Structures are given as structure tokens and as C-alpha cells.
Amino acid sequence: MTDTPSATPNNSRRPDRRRRPAPTQQKARPVNPVLERLFEFYPKLFGAQFLPLKLGVFQDLLARHPEEFKKDELKFAMGQHARSTRYLESVAAGHPRHDLDGNPVEPVSPEHVHHAILEIFRRRQLRSKEDLKPQLAQRLVEAIAASGLTPEGYAERVRVQDEATNALLDDAISEVRLIAARHEALARTFTASGKTVEEFADMYGMKPADVSRALEAIKAPAA
């Protein structure tokens, strides 16, 4: 006896039109209520733009708002704030530290700037398939130049136990020294030329502003 094809359609080949569940969206992390209160009190420090806070600001907050904040809750909230990428970016940018009234009171130390830069790029690298080391190296070169320290002095203050991190530092220091050597050569050539900045720049196809910056960079360490 031969089998006859069934008149019933093969449902296994029919496309599944059942409603599929919508992809779940990651819920936004709730804001710490203590940080919300700090924003209400100090919008210039905890608002749209974060600013580096003076050392000892935790004690200042407790003294100014003894009834508003519990010590442990404030400590936890301030830790969250200091670890946030937005706050680290303000430190890495080299903005001065501010008191609760929004007044700049002291510079951020070179080592704090350095480690903020490293942490920001570590976080970005985790989210990016692109190699961000060239950008990191440029930021470190700028940080060394802005610190007012010699490359050796800078390295002494920021060097850590991690070999990979120190290798990045050494590469940046090598670039700083190379730039300094170029500036020195340019300064010697400029002095020997007897030209004005504008004439010298025109002679070598440079911008006068670039020549001036190079000359100022040579004077800065002596100053």
C-alpha cells in the first residue's frame, strides 16, 4: 500500500508569524539620592559639567550640612562621583580643584591627571575595537608638557608597578624629548637667521604661531 500525500499543508515550512518579544532595553542605573541632593546644593560642581573637588571636600560637606547627610552614605556617594568617567575627564583635562563655593583653590597633581587619563582610555578601549594607544600616547605627551616637570621628574611621580603602563609612559617621554630636540634645533636656527618670527616662518613655510610656540617652549623650563 502506497502512501498518499496529505492535503494538510506542512506547518514546519510556514514562516512563524507569532509576535516575538521586543529586545529588552537595559534599565538606566538609578541616581544615588545623595548625589541628587549634592546637585541641588552645588549645580556648578555636580551639574552638567563636573569640576575637580578640593582635597578634604568630604569633611567640608559634613561640616556645612550636618543634618542633611549621613557620613557613610555621603562617603559612598562621593566615591561613586570620583570614579565616574565624567569626573575623571575633568581631572584628566587639568582643571584646578574647586571648593564648595566654586572657587579654584589648587591644581590637580600631575599623578592624579596621569592616572585619570589612563583610566579613561582603559574604559574606552574596553568598548572599542580600535587601538586607542596612539591617542593615549598623545594625551600623555600633553600631560607631561603641562605638568611643568622634567620628563624624569614626571616619570618619578607617576611610575607604577605595571610594566605595560610604564611602557606607555616611556614612549610618551621619548616623544616629549624628541619634540624638545626639534624645538631646540629650531631655536638655534632662528637665532642664527637674524630674522623676525614672521620672516623666519615664511622662509621655512611655517606658521608664525608655531614658531612662537616652539620658542616659548624652550624658554619655559628656564622660567
C-alpha atoms as a PDB file:
ATOM      1  CA  MET A   1       0.000   0.000   0.000  1.00  0.00           C
ATOM      2  CA  THR A   2       1.489   3.332  -1.072  1.00  0.00           C
ATOM      3  CA  ASP A   3       1.278   6.473   0.997  1.00  0.00           C
ATOM      4  CA  THR A   4      -0.671   9.378  -0.477  1.00  0.00           C
ATOM      5  CA  PRO A   5       0.461  12.951   0.128  1.00  0.00           C
ATOM      6  CA  SER A   6      -1.510  14.657   2.858  1.00  0.00           C
ATOM      7  CA  ALA A   7      -3.712  17.559   1.905  1.00  0.00           C
ATOM      8  CA  THR A   8      -2.735  19.317   5.104  1.00  0.00           C
ATOM      9  CA  PRO A   9      -0.005  21.974   4.492  1.00  0.00           C
ATOM     10  CA  ASN A  10       3.359  21.380   6.116  1.00  0.00           C
ATOM     11  CA  ASN A  11       3.299  23.843   9.019  1.00  0.00           C
ATOM     12  CA  SER A  12       7.014  23.355   9.624  1.00  0.00           C
ATOM     13  CA  ARG A  13       7.693  25.322   6.429  1.00  0.00           C
ATOM     14  CA  ARG A  14       5.287  28.114   7.187  1.00  0.00           C
ATOM     15  CA  PRO A  15       7.031  31.251   8.494  1.00  0.00           C
ATOM     16  CA  ASP A  16       6.470  31.847  12.172  1.00  0.00           C
ATOM     17  CA  ARG A  17       4.268  34.940  12.475  1.00  0.00           C
ATOM     18  CA  ARG A  18       3.963  34.797  16.201  1.00  0.00           C
ATOM     19  CA  ARG A  19       4.890  38.053  17.902  1.00  0.00           C
ATOM     20  CA  ARG A  20       8.435  37.926  19.078  1.00  0.00           C
ATOM     21  CA  PRO A  21       9.319  39.605  22.321  1.00  0.00           C
ATOM     22  CA  ALA A  22      10.851  43.042  21.910  1.00  0.00           C
ATOM     23  CA  PRO A  23      14.522  43.195  22.789  1.00  0.00           C
ATOM     24  CA  THR A  24      14.936  44.104  26.393  1.00  0.00           C
ATOM     25  CA  GLN A  25      16.447  47.535  26.995  1.00  0.00           C
ATOM     26  CA  GLN A  26      18.985  47.975  29.714  1.00  0.00           C
ATOM     27  CA  LYS A  27      17.467  49.968  32.503  1.00  0.00           C
ATOM     28  CA  ALA A  28      19.205  53.180  33.406  1.00  0.00           C
ATOM     29  CA  ARG A  29      21.089  52.942  36.658  1.00  0.00           C
ATOM     30  CA  PRO A  30      19.205  54.858  39.346  1.00  0.00           C
ATOM     31  CA  VAL A  31      20.926  58.014  40.516  1.00  0.00           C
ATOM     32  CA  ASN A  32      22.144  57.993  44.079  1.00  0.00           C
ATOM     33  CA  PRO A  33      19.768  60.296  46.016  1.00  0.00           C
ATOM     34  CA  VAL A  34      22.743  61.794  47.859  1.00  0.00           C
ATOM     35  CA  LEU A  35      24.247  62.841  44.534  1.00  0.00           C
ATOM     36  CA  GLU A  36      20.899  64.352  43.551  1.00  0.00           C
ATOM     37  CA  ARG A  37      20.977  66.451  46.705  1.00  0.00           C
ATOM     38  CA  LEU A  38      24.547  67.499  46.025  1.00  0.00           C
ATOM     39  CA  PHE A  39      23.476  68.621  42.553  1.00  0.00           C
ATOM     40  CA  GLU A  40      20.693  70.715  44.098  1.00  0.00           C
ATOM     41  CA  PHE A  41      23.128  72.347  46.521  1.00  0.00           C
ATOM     42  CA  TYR A  42      26.080  72.722  44.136  1.00  0.00           C
ATOM     43  CA  PRO A  43      24.982  72.663  40.463  1.00  0.00           C
ATOM     44  CA  LYS A  44      28.289  74.190  39.328  1.00  0.00           C
ATOM     45  CA  LEU A  45      30.225  71.253  40.777  1.00  0.00           C
ATOM     46  CA  PHE A  46      27.825  68.322  40.356  1.00  0.00           C
ATOM     47  CA  GLY A  47      25.728  69.534  37.423  1.00  0.00           C
ATOM     48  CA  ALA A  48      26.077  69.271  33.653  1.00  0.00           C
ATOM     49  CA  GLN A  49      29.815  69.813  33.987  1.00  0.00           C
ATOM     50  CA  PHE A  50      31.852  68.221  36.743  1.00  0.00           C
ATOM     51  CA  LEU A  51      34.797  70.032  38.261  1.00  0.00           C
ATOM     52  CA  PRO A  52      37.657  68.557  40.297  1.00  0.00           C
ATOM     53  CA  LEU A  53      36.973  68.962  44.007  1.00  0.00           C
ATOM     54  CA  LYS A  54      39.433  70.207  46.580  1.00  0.00           C
ATOM     55  CA  LEU A  55      41.071  67.686  48.834  1.00  0.00           C
ATOM     56  CA  GLY A  56      39.104  67.467  52.067  1.00  0.00           C
ATOM     57  CA  VAL A  57      35.775  68.409  50.467  1.00  0.00           C
ATOM     58  CA  PHE A  58      34.135  65.420  52.178  1.00  0.00           C
ATOM     59  CA  GLN A  59      34.784  66.969  55.593  1.00  0.00           C
ATOM     60  CA  ASP A  60      33.620  70.350  54.273  1.00  0.00           C
ATOM     61  CA  LEU A  61      30.292  68.844  53.209  1.00  0.00           C
ATOM     62  CA  LEU A  62      29.735  67.202  56.574  1.00  0.00           C
ATOM     63  CA  ALA A  63      30.548  70.452  58.350  1.00  0.00           C
ATOM     64  CA  ARG A  64      28.283  72.558  56.148  1.00  0.00           C
ATOM     65  CA  HIS A  65      25.348  70.095  56.106  1.00  0.00           C
ATOM     66  CA  PRO A  66      25.447  68.207  59.421  1.00  0.00           C
ATOM     67  CA  GLU A  67      21.736  67.382  59.323  1.00  0.00           C
ATOM     68  CA  GLU A  68      21.498  66.642  55.614  1.00  0.00           C
ATOM     69  CA  PHE A  69      23.963  63.804  55.025  1.00  0.00           C
ATOM     70  CA  LYS A  70      24.879  60.676  56.912  1.00  0.00           C
ATOM     71  CA  LYS A  71      28.621  60.081  56.960  1.00  0.00           C
ATOM     72  CA  ASP A  72      28.584  56.586  55.441  1.00  0.00           C
ATOM     73  CA  GLU A  73      26.049  57.482  52.747  1.00  0.00           C
ATOM     74  CA  LEU A  74      27.961  60.609  51.772  1.00  0.00           C
ATOM     75  CA  LYS A  75      31.231  58.691  51.667  1.00  0.00           C
ATOM     76  CA  PHE A  76      29.713  56.084  49.340  1.00  0.00           C
ATOM     77  CA  ALA A  77      28.176  58.739  47.071  1.00  0.00           C
ATOM     78  CA  MET A  78      31.396  60.725  46.843  1.00  0.00           C
ATOM     79  CA  GLY A  79      33.236  57.545  45.906  1.00  0.00           C
ATOM     80  CA  GLN A  80      30.756  56.958  43.075  1.00  0.00           C
ATOM     81  CA  HIS A  81      31.206  60.525  41.919  1.00  0.00           C
ATOM     82  CA  ALA A  82      35.010  60.396  41.961  1.00  0.00           C
ATOM     83  CA  ARG A  83      35.042  57.135  39.987  1.00  0.00           C
ATOM     84  CA  SER A  84      32.645  58.350  37.300  1.00  0.00           C
ATOM     85  CA  THR A  85      34.060  58.849  33.834  1.00  0.00           C
ATOM     86  CA  ARG A  86      32.782  62.421  33.685  1.00  0.00           C
ATOM     87  CA  TYR A  87      34.649  63.330  36.845  1.00  0.00           C
ATOM     88  CA  LEU A  88      37.815  61.585  35.666  1.00  0.00           C
ATOM     89  CA  GLU A  89      37.597  63.533  32.419  1.00  0.00           C
ATOM     90  CA  SER A  90      37.560  66.808  34.349  1.00  0.00           C
ATOM     91  CA  VAL A  91      40.660  65.701  36.258  1.00  0.00           C
ATOM     92  CA  ALA A  92      42.407  64.493  33.099  1.00  0.00           C
ATOM     93  CA  ALA A  93      41.742  67.855  31.453  1.00  0.00           C
ATOM     94  CA  GLY A  94      43.855  69.510  34.122  1.00  0.00           C
ATOM     95  CA  HIS A  95      41.147  71.763  35.545  1.00  0.00           C
ATOM     96  CA  PRO A  96      42.003  73.102  39.021  1.00  0.00           C
ATOM     97  CA  ARG A  97      40.359  71.762  42.148  1.00  0.00           C
ATOM     98  CA  HIS A  98      37.411  73.789  43.454  1.00  0.00           C
ATOM     99  CA  ASP A  99      35.918  74.426  46.863  1.00  0.00           C
ATOM    100  CA  LEU A 100      32.200  74.182  47.608  1.00  0.00           C
ATOM    101  CA  ASP A 101      31.676  77.793  46.562  1.00  0.00           C
ATOM    102  CA  GLY A 102      33.035  77.053  43.114  1.00  0.00           C
ATOM    103  CA  ASN A 103      36.353  78.831  43.603  1.00  0.00           C
ATOM    104  CA  PRO A 104      39.516  77.284  42.116  1.00  0.00           C
ATOM    105  CA  VAL A 105      41.834  76.652  45.055  1.00  0.00           C
ATOM    106  CA  GLU A 106      44.642  74.327  43.937  1.00  0.00           C
ATOM    107  CA  PRO A 107      45.943  72.499  40.868  1.00  0.00           C
ATOM    108  CA  VAL A 108      45.389  68.810  40.357  1.00  0.00           C
ATOM    109  CA  SER A 109      48.659  66.951  40.904  1.00  0.00           C
ATOM    110  CA  PRO A 110      50.387  65.534  37.787  1.00  0.00           C
ATOM    111  CA  GLU A 111      49.998  61.994  39.110  1.00  0.00           C
ATOM    112  CA  HIS A 112      46.231  62.408  39.509  1.00  0.00           C
ATOM    113  CA  VAL A 113      45.972  63.787  35.972  1.00  0.00           C
ATOM    114  CA  HIS A 114      48.105  60.921  34.673  1.00  0.00           C
ATOM    115  CA  HIS A 115      46.127  58.147  36.314  1.00  0.00           C
ATOM    116  CA  ALA A 116      42.808  59.728  35.275  1.00  0.00           C
ATOM    117  CA  ILE A 117      43.985  59.709  31.644  1.00  0.00           C
ATOM    118  CA  LEU A 118      44.983  56.050  31.891  1.00  0.00           C
ATOM    119  CA  GLU A 119      41.680  55.012  33.458  1.00  0.00           C
ATOM    120  CA  ILE A 120      39.598  56.882  30.876  1.00  0.00           C
ATOM    121  CA  PHE A 121      41.403  55.217  27.992  1.00  0.00           C
ATOM    122  CA  ARG A 122      41.189  51.824  29.692  1.00  0.00           C
ATOM    123  CA  ARG A 123      37.411  52.171  29.810  1.00  0.00           C
ATOM    124  CA  ARG A 124      37.198  53.417  26.239  1.00  0.00           C
ATOM    125  CA  GLN A 125      39.381  50.597  24.978  1.00  0.00           C
ATOM    126  CA  LEU A 126      37.025  48.036  26.519  1.00  0.00           C
ATOM    127  CA  ARG A 127      34.216  49.444  24.346  1.00  0.00           C
ATOM    128  CA  SER A 128      36.227  49.979  21.173  1.00  0.00           C
ATOM    129  CA  LYS A 129      37.707  47.609  18.605  1.00  0.00           C
ATOM    130  CA  GLU A 130      40.096  50.356  17.518  1.00  0.00           C
ATOM    131  CA  ASP A 131      43.569  50.540  19.044  1.00  0.00           C
ATOM    132  CA  LEU A 132      43.470  53.704  21.152  1.00  0.00           C
ATOM    133  CA  LYS A 133      47.126  53.638  22.186  1.00  0.00           C
ATOM    134  CA  PRO A 134      48.157  56.410  19.730  1.00  0.00           C
ATOM    135  CA  GLN A 135      45.518  58.720  21.221  1.00  0.00           C
ATOM    136  CA  LEU A 136      46.597  57.774  24.732  1.00  0.00           C
ATOM    137  CA  ALA A 137      50.236  58.496  23.892  1.00  0.00           C
ATOM    138  CA  GLN A 138      49.302  61.964  22.626  1.00  0.00           C
ATOM    139  CA  ARG A 139      47.347  62.716  25.805  1.00  0.00           C
ATOM    140  CA  LEU A 140      50.317  61.649  27.929  1.00  0.00           C
ATOM    141  CA  VAL A 141      52.669  63.848  25.897  1.00  0.00           C
ATOM    142  CA  GLU A 142      50.348  66.806  26.523  1.00  0.00           C
ATOM    143  CA  ALA A 143      50.108  65.965  30.230  1.00  0.00           C
ATOM    144  CA  ILE A 144      53.886  65.821  30.606  1.00  0.00           C
ATOM    145  CA  ALA A 145      54.252  69.177  28.858  1.00  0.00           C
ATOM    146  CA  ALA A 146      51.526  70.763  31.003  1.00  0.00           C
ATOM    147  CA  SER A 147      52.917  69.423  34.286  1.00  0.00           C
ATOM    148  CA  GLY A 148      55.856  71.827  34.352  1.00  0.00           C
ATOM    149  CA  LEU A 149      58.107  68.930  35.328  1.00  0.00           C
ATOM    150  CA  THR A 150      61.064  67.477  33.517  1.00  0.00           C
ATOM    151  CA  PRO A 151      60.335  64.134  31.865  1.00  0.00           C
ATOM    152  CA  GLU A 152      62.451  62.458  34.547  1.00  0.00           C
ATOM    153  CA  GLY A 153      60.596  64.221  37.358  1.00  0.00           C
ATOM    154  CA  TYR A 154      57.248  63.358  35.845  1.00  0.00           C
ATOM    155  CA  ALA A 155      58.162  59.695  35.466  1.00  0.00           C
ATOM    156  CA  GLU A 156      59.348  59.528  39.062  1.00  0.00           C
ATOM    157  CA  ARG A 157      55.959  60.715  40.319  1.00  0.00           C
ATOM    158  CA  VAL A 158      53.679  58.593  38.133  1.00  0.00           C
ATOM    159  CA  ARG A 159      55.544  55.348  37.521  1.00  0.00           C
ATOM    160  CA  VAL A 160      53.711  52.241  38.792  1.00  0.00           C
ATOM    161  CA  GLN A 161      54.398  48.503  39.080  1.00  0.00           C
ATOM    162  CA  ASP A 162      52.601  47.576  35.854  1.00  0.00           C
ATOM    163  CA  GLU A 163      55.124  47.099  33.031  1.00  0.00           C
ATOM    164  CA  ALA A 164      52.661  47.760  30.224  1.00  0.00           C
ATOM    165  CA  THR A 165      51.623  51.078  31.764  1.00  0.00           C
ATOM    166  CA  ASN A 166      55.242  52.078  32.264  1.00  0.00           C
ATOM    167  CA  ALA A 167      55.990  51.198  28.637  1.00  0.00           C
ATOM    168  CA  LEU A 168      53.311  53.671  27.530  1.00  0.00           C
ATOM    169  CA  LEU A 169      54.858  56.280  29.816  1.00  0.00           C
ATOM    170  CA  ASP A 170      58.338  55.646  28.396  1.00  0.00           C
ATOM    171  CA  ASP A 171      57.038  56.023  24.838  1.00  0.00           C
ATOM    172  CA  ALA A 172      55.424  59.341  25.735  1.00  0.00           C
ATOM    173  CA  ILE A 173      58.606  60.582  27.404  1.00  0.00           C
ATOM    174  CA  SER A 174      60.629  59.641  24.312  1.00  0.00           C
ATOM    175  CA  GLU A 175      58.212  61.682  22.185  1.00  0.00           C
ATOM    176  CA  VAL A 176      58.500  64.650  24.565  1.00  0.00           C
ATOM    177  CA  ARG A 177      62.290  64.541  24.302  1.00  0.00           C
ATOM    178  CA  LEU A 178      62.099  64.324  20.514  1.00  0.00           C
ATOM    179  CA  ILE A 179      59.808  67.361  20.382  1.00  0.00           C
ATOM    180  CA  ALA A 180      62.150  69.258  22.723  1.00  0.00           C
ATOM    181  CA  ALA A 181      65.121  68.442  20.484  1.00  0.00           C
ATOM    182  CA  ARG A 182      63.249  69.750  17.460  1.00  0.00           C
ATOM    183  CA  HIS A 183      62.365  72.948  19.302  1.00  0.00           C
ATOM    184  CA  GLU A 184      65.978  73.467  20.337  1.00  0.00           C
ATOM    185  CA  ALA A 185      67.181  72.981  16.757  1.00  0.00           C
ATOM    186  CA  LEU A 186      64.563  75.422  15.518  1.00  0.00           C
ATOM    187  CA  ALA A 187      65.565  77.970  18.176  1.00  0.00           C
ATOM    188  CA  ARG A 188      69.228  77.745  17.197  1.00  0.00           C
ATOM    189  CA  THR A 189      68.374  78.155  13.532  1.00  0.00           C
ATOM    190  CA  PHE A 190      66.074  81.073  14.307  1.00  0.00           C
ATOM    191  CA  THR A 191      68.731  82.857  16.382  1.00  0.00           C
ATOM    192  CA  ALA A 192      71.349  82.397  13.681  1.00  0.00           C
ATOM    193  CA  SER A 193      69.000  83.658  10.966  1.00  0.00           C
ATOM    194  CA  GLY A 194      68.595  87.137  12.426  1.00  0.00           C
ATOM    195  CA  LYS A 195      65.049  87.164  11.069  1.00  0.00           C
ATOM    196  CA  THR A 196      61.815  88.167  12.731  1.00  0.00           C
ATOM    197  CA  VAL A 197      59.377  85.413  13.638  1.00  0.00           C
ATOM    198  CA  GLU A 198      57.231  86.273  10.632  1.00  0.00           C
ATOM    199  CA  GLU A 199      60.199  86.318   8.236  1.00  0.00           C
ATOM    200  CA  PHE A 200      61.577  83.068   9.639  1.00  0.00           C
ATOM    201  CA  ALA A 201      58.203  81.341   9.387  1.00  0.00           C
ATOM    202  CA  ASP A 202      57.765  82.481   5.792  1.00  0.00           C
ATOM    203  CA  MET A 203      61.279  81.312   4.901  1.00  0.00           C
ATOM    204  CA  TYR A 204      60.608  77.778   6.166  1.00  0.00           C
ATOM    205  CA  GLY A 205      56.959  77.531   5.189  1.00  0.00           C
ATOM    206  CA  MET A 206      55.762  77.549   8.788  1.00  0.00           C
ATOM    207  CA  LYS A 207      53.045  79.395  10.637  1.00  0.00           C
ATOM    208  CA  PRO A 208      54.316  82.267  12.822  1.00  0.00           C
ATOM    209  CA  ALA A 209      52.244  80.951  15.730  1.00  0.00           C
ATOM    210  CA  ASP A 210      54.005  77.564  15.513  1.00  0.00           C
ATOM    211  CA  VAL A 211      57.408  79.229  15.570  1.00  0.00           C
ATOM    212  CA  SER A 212      56.406  81.347  18.573  1.00  0.00           C
ATOM    213  CA  ARG A 213      55.138  78.292  20.458  1.00  0.00           C
ATOM    214  CA  ALA A 214      58.360  76.421  19.815  1.00  0.00           C
ATOM    215  CA  LEU A 215      60.435  79.348  21.056  1.00  0.00           C
ATOM    216  CA  GLU A 216      58.263  79.729  24.154  1.00  0.00           C
ATOM    217  CA  ALA A 217      58.587  76.016  24.881  1.00  0.00           C
ATOM    218  CA  ILE A 218      62.358  76.437  25.011  1.00  0.00           C
ATOM    219  CA  LYS A 219      62.069  79.342  27.453  1.00  0.00           C
ATOM    220  CA  ALA A 220      59.509  77.618  29.714  1.00  0.00           C
ATOM    221  CA  PRO A 221      61.864  75.220  31.570  1.00  0.00           C
ATOM    222  CA  ALA A 222      64.269  78.048  32.365  1.00  0.00           C
ATOM    223  CA  ALA A 223      61.420  80.178  33.666  1.00  0.00           C
END
